[in-house]
Amino acid sequence: MGQACGTTVLLVEDELFVRMIGADALSEAGYRVIEAGDADEALARLERSDDVQVLFTDIRMPGSMDGLQLAGEVHRRWPAIRILLTSGDTRPTGAAIPDDGRFLAKPYRFEALSRELDQLLAH
């Protein structure tokens, strides 16, 4: 992954096993990973960190907001953060994803995740 070095990804996934696998894969690829189990935890982590470049979030999550709502809030409060959404059963239109963000359907291969992150970070 050409863009990985020094890039921090906030990974938001409510299913612990899925989050652990994603975090391990991203770490092995050279990304710094911050994990959150829901939108509220993600926002709290963003408030304490000033080096997140990418929000990678599941769309369907329990709690006060889903991943699309979280993406909108992150874009409003931290407009420099790039957005990558994922879901196994929801496919948003491009217009629904803030800030020219991208969507990656679950289940995804790590190579596909790598490609999406590279494309996000190249802009």
C-alpha atoms as a PDB file:
ATOM      1  CA  MET A   1       0.000   0.000   0.000  1.00  0.00           C
ATOM      2  CA  GLY A   2       1.636   3.162  -1.158  1.00  0.00           C
ATOM      3  CA  GLN A   3      -0.322   5.556   1.056  1.00  0.00           C
ATOM      4  CA  ALA A   4      -0.241   3.558   4.315  1.00  0.00           C
ATOM      5  CA  CYS A   5       2.889   4.915   5.957  1.00  0.00           C
ATOM      6  CA  GLY A   6       1.963   7.430   8.609  1.00  0.00           C
ATOM      7  CA  THR A   7      -1.764   7.355   7.857  1.00  0.00           C
ATOM      8  CA  THR A   8      -4.191   6.979  10.765  1.00  0.00           C
ATOM      9  CA  VAL A   9      -7.499   5.195  10.158  1.00  0.00           C
ATOM     10  CA  LEU A  10     -10.425   5.330  12.577  1.00  0.00           C
ATOM     11  CA  LEU A  11     -12.111   1.926  12.192  1.00  0.00           C
ATOM     12  CA  VAL A  12     -15.715   1.903  13.432  1.00  0.00           C
ATOM     13  CA  GLU A  13     -17.336  -1.541  13.600  1.00  0.00           C
ATOM     14  CA  ASP A  14     -19.756  -2.837  16.220  1.00  0.00           C
ATOM     15  CA  GLU A  15     -18.911  -6.525  15.685  1.00  0.00           C
ATOM     16  CA  LEU A  16     -15.742  -7.134  17.688  1.00  0.00           C
ATOM     17  CA  PHE A  17     -14.408 -10.025  15.589  1.00  0.00           C
ATOM     18  CA  VAL A  18     -14.836  -8.099  12.325  1.00  0.00           C
ATOM     19  CA  ARG A  19     -13.210  -5.044  13.901  1.00  0.00           C
ATOM     20  CA  MET A  20     -10.247  -7.109  15.172  1.00  0.00           C
ATOM     21  CA  ILE A  21      -9.608  -8.645  11.748  1.00  0.00           C
ATOM     22  CA  GLY A  22      -9.838  -5.238  10.036  1.00  0.00           C
ATOM     23  CA  ALA A  23      -7.556  -3.597  12.582  1.00  0.00           C
ATOM     24  CA  ASP A  24      -4.956  -6.361  12.270  1.00  0.00           C
ATOM     25  CA  ALA A  25      -4.982  -6.203   8.462  1.00  0.00           C
ATOM     26  CA  LEU A  26      -4.694  -2.410   8.430  1.00  0.00           C
ATOM     27  CA  SER A  27      -1.879  -2.469  11.001  1.00  0.00           C
ATOM     28  CA  GLU A  28       0.037  -5.081   9.033  1.00  0.00           C
ATOM     29  CA  ALA A  29      -0.274  -2.854   5.959  1.00  0.00           C
ATOM     30  CA  GLY A  30       1.366   0.033   7.819  1.00  0.00           C
ATOM     31  CA  TYR A  31      -1.654   2.051   8.929  1.00  0.00           C
ATOM     32  CA  ARG A  32      -2.045   3.353  12.455  1.00  0.00           C
ATOM     33  CA  VAL A  33      -5.473   2.161  13.597  1.00  0.00           C
ATOM     34  CA  ILE A  34      -7.798   3.658  16.167  1.00  0.00           C
ATOM     35  CA  GLU A  35     -10.803   1.450  16.929  1.00  0.00           C
ATOM     36  CA  ALA A  36     -14.350   2.310  17.980  1.00  0.00           C
ATOM     37  CA  GLY A  37     -17.409   0.115  18.500  1.00  0.00           C
ATOM     38  CA  ASP A  38     -20.044   2.730  17.668  1.00  0.00           C
ATOM     39  CA  ALA A  39     -20.529   6.307  16.514  1.00  0.00           C
ATOM     40  CA  ASP A  40     -20.428   7.845  19.995  1.00  0.00           C
ATOM     41  CA  GLU A  41     -17.103   6.173  20.757  1.00  0.00           C
ATOM     42  CA  ALA A  42     -15.794   7.242  17.330  1.00  0.00           C
ATOM     43  CA  LEU A  43     -16.674  10.890  17.942  1.00  0.00           C
ATOM     44  CA  ALA A  44     -15.069  10.780  21.396  1.00  0.00           C
ATOM     45  CA  ARG A  45     -11.882   9.344  19.879  1.00  0.00           C
ATOM     46  CA  LEU A  46     -11.848  12.044  17.178  1.00  0.00           C
ATOM     47  CA  GLU A  47     -12.197  14.748  19.810  1.00  0.00           C
ATOM     48  CA  ARG A  48      -9.032  13.410  21.496  1.00  0.00           C
ATOM     49  CA  SER A  49      -6.992  12.840  18.325  1.00  0.00           C
ATOM     50  CA  ASP A  50      -5.875  15.299  15.683  1.00  0.00           C
ATOM     51  CA  ASP A  51      -4.163  12.911  13.290  1.00  0.00           C
ATOM     52  CA  VAL A  52      -6.991  10.793  11.806  1.00  0.00           C
ATOM     53  CA  GLN A  53      -6.965  10.935   8.000  1.00  0.00           C
ATOM     54  CA  VAL A  54      -9.611   8.283   7.201  1.00  0.00           C
ATOM     55  CA  LEU A  55     -12.908   7.245   8.772  1.00  0.00           C
ATOM     56  CA  PHE A  56     -13.675   3.613   7.825  1.00  0.00           C
ATOM     57  CA  THR A  57     -17.100   2.801   9.226  1.00  0.00           C
ATOM     58  CA  ASP A  58     -19.798   0.198   8.984  1.00  0.00           C
ATOM     59  CA  ILE A  59     -23.170   1.671   8.057  1.00  0.00           C
ATOM     60  CA  ARG A  60     -25.409  -0.490  10.233  1.00  0.00           C
ATOM     61  CA  MET A  61     -24.574   0.051  13.891  1.00  0.00           C
ATOM     62  CA  PRO A  62     -26.550   0.272  17.105  1.00  0.00           C
ATOM     63  CA  GLY A  63     -26.475   3.459  19.112  1.00  0.00           C
ATOM     64  CA  SER A  64     -27.285   7.100  18.608  1.00  0.00           C
ATOM     65  CA  MET A  65     -26.417   7.159  14.889  1.00  0.00           C
ATOM     66  CA  ASP A  66     -25.574   4.819  12.040  1.00  0.00           C
ATOM     67  CA  GLY A  67     -22.466   4.997   9.867  1.00  0.00           C
ATOM     68  CA  LEU A  68     -23.983   7.357   7.302  1.00  0.00           C
ATOM     69  CA  GLN A  69     -25.016   9.778  10.035  1.00  0.00           C
ATOM     70  CA  LEU A  70     -21.557   9.441  11.597  1.00  0.00           C
ATOM     71  CA  ALA A  71     -19.926  10.166   8.219  1.00  0.00           C
ATOM     72  CA  GLY A  72     -22.032  13.312   7.890  1.00  0.00           C
ATOM     73  CA  GLU A  73     -21.092  14.501  11.379  1.00  0.00           C
ATOM     74  CA  VAL A  74     -17.393  13.777  10.810  1.00  0.00           C
ATOM     75  CA  HIS A  75     -17.481  15.636   7.501  1.00  0.00           C
ATOM     76  CA  ARG A  76     -19.149  18.622   9.176  1.00  0.00           C
ATOM     77  CA  ARG A  77     -16.747  18.762  12.143  1.00  0.00           C
ATOM     78  CA  TRP A  78     -13.521  17.455  10.564  1.00  0.00           C
ATOM     79  CA  PRO A  79     -13.810  18.155   6.829  1.00  0.00           C
ATOM     80  CA  ALA A  80     -10.255  17.005   6.045  1.00  0.00           C
ATOM     81  CA  ILE A  81     -10.998  13.410   7.099  1.00  0.00           C
ATOM     82  CA  ARG A  82     -11.653  11.111   4.132  1.00  0.00           C
ATOM     83  CA  ILE A  83     -14.642   8.746   4.371  1.00  0.00           C
ATOM     84  CA  LEU A  84     -14.950   5.061   3.488  1.00  0.00           C
ATOM     85  CA  LEU A  85     -18.212   3.278   4.287  1.00  0.00           C
ATOM     86  CA  THR A  86     -18.915  -0.454   4.327  1.00  0.00           C
ATOM     87  CA  SER A  87     -21.966  -2.691   4.738  1.00  0.00           C
ATOM     88  CA  GLY A  88     -23.130  -6.167   3.948  1.00  0.00           C
ATOM     89  CA  ASP A  89     -26.756  -5.228   3.328  1.00  0.00           C
ATOM     90  CA  THR A  90     -26.946  -1.507   2.593  1.00  0.00           C
ATOM     91  CA  ARG A  91     -25.580   0.206  -0.492  1.00  0.00           C
ATOM     92  CA  PRO A  92     -25.778   4.005  -0.368  1.00  0.00           C
ATOM     93  CA  THR A  93     -25.804   6.097  -3.491  1.00  0.00           C
ATOM     94  CA  GLY A  94     -22.705   8.160  -4.181  1.00  0.00           C
ATOM     95  CA  ALA A  95     -24.657  11.305  -3.389  1.00  0.00           C
ATOM     96  CA  ALA A  96     -25.495   9.965   0.098  1.00  0.00           C
ATOM     97  CA  ILE A  97     -21.811   9.664   1.042  1.00  0.00           C
ATOM     98  CA  PRO A  98     -20.331  12.975   2.207  1.00  0.00           C
ATOM     99  CA  ASP A  99     -17.254  14.547   0.658  1.00  0.00           C
ATOM    100  CA  ASP A 100     -16.697  12.248  -2.322  1.00  0.00           C
ATOM    101  CA  GLY A 101     -16.368   9.363   0.098  1.00  0.00           C
ATOM    102  CA  ARG A 102     -16.312   5.771  -1.093  1.00  0.00           C
ATOM    103  CA  PHE A 103     -18.254   2.572  -0.402  1.00  0.00           C
ATOM    104  CA  LEU A 104     -16.908  -0.976  -0.081  1.00  0.00           C
ATOM    105  CA  ALA A 105     -19.397  -3.878   0.101  1.00  0.00           C
ATOM    106  CA  LYS A 106     -18.972  -6.587   2.741  1.00  0.00           C
ATOM    107  CA  PRO A 107     -17.545  -9.122   2.677  1.00  0.00           C
ATOM    108  CA  TYR A 108     -14.513  -7.465   1.158  1.00  0.00           C
ATOM    109  CA  ARG A 109     -11.038  -8.756   0.424  1.00  0.00           C
ATOM    110  CA  PHE A 110      -8.183  -6.862   1.969  1.00  0.00           C
ATOM    111  CA  GLU A 111      -6.837  -6.068  -1.513  1.00  0.00           C
ATOM    112  CA  ALA A 112     -10.098  -4.229  -2.257  1.00  0.00           C
ATOM    113  CA  LEU A 113      -9.858  -2.302   1.012  1.00  0.00           C
ATOM    114  CA  SER A 114      -6.260  -1.403   0.192  1.00  0.00           C
ATOM    115  CA  ARG A 115      -7.258  -0.139  -3.254  1.00  0.00           C
ATOM    116  CA  GLU A 116     -10.107   1.982  -1.859  1.00  0.00           C
ATOM    117  CA  LEU A 117      -7.867   3.544   0.784  1.00  0.00           C
ATOM    118  CA  ASP A 118      -5.157   4.278  -1.768  1.00  0.00           C
ATOM    119  CA  GLN A 119      -7.707   5.995  -4.031  1.00  0.00           C
ATOM    120  CA  LEU A 120      -9.149   8.014  -1.143  1.00  0.00           C
ATOM    121  CA  LEU A 121      -5.737   9.179  -0.015  1.00  0.00           C
ATOM    122  CA  ALA A 122      -4.575  10.041  -3.525  1.00  0.00           C
ATOM    123  CA  HIS A 123      -7.084  12.912  -3.746  1.00  0.00           C
END
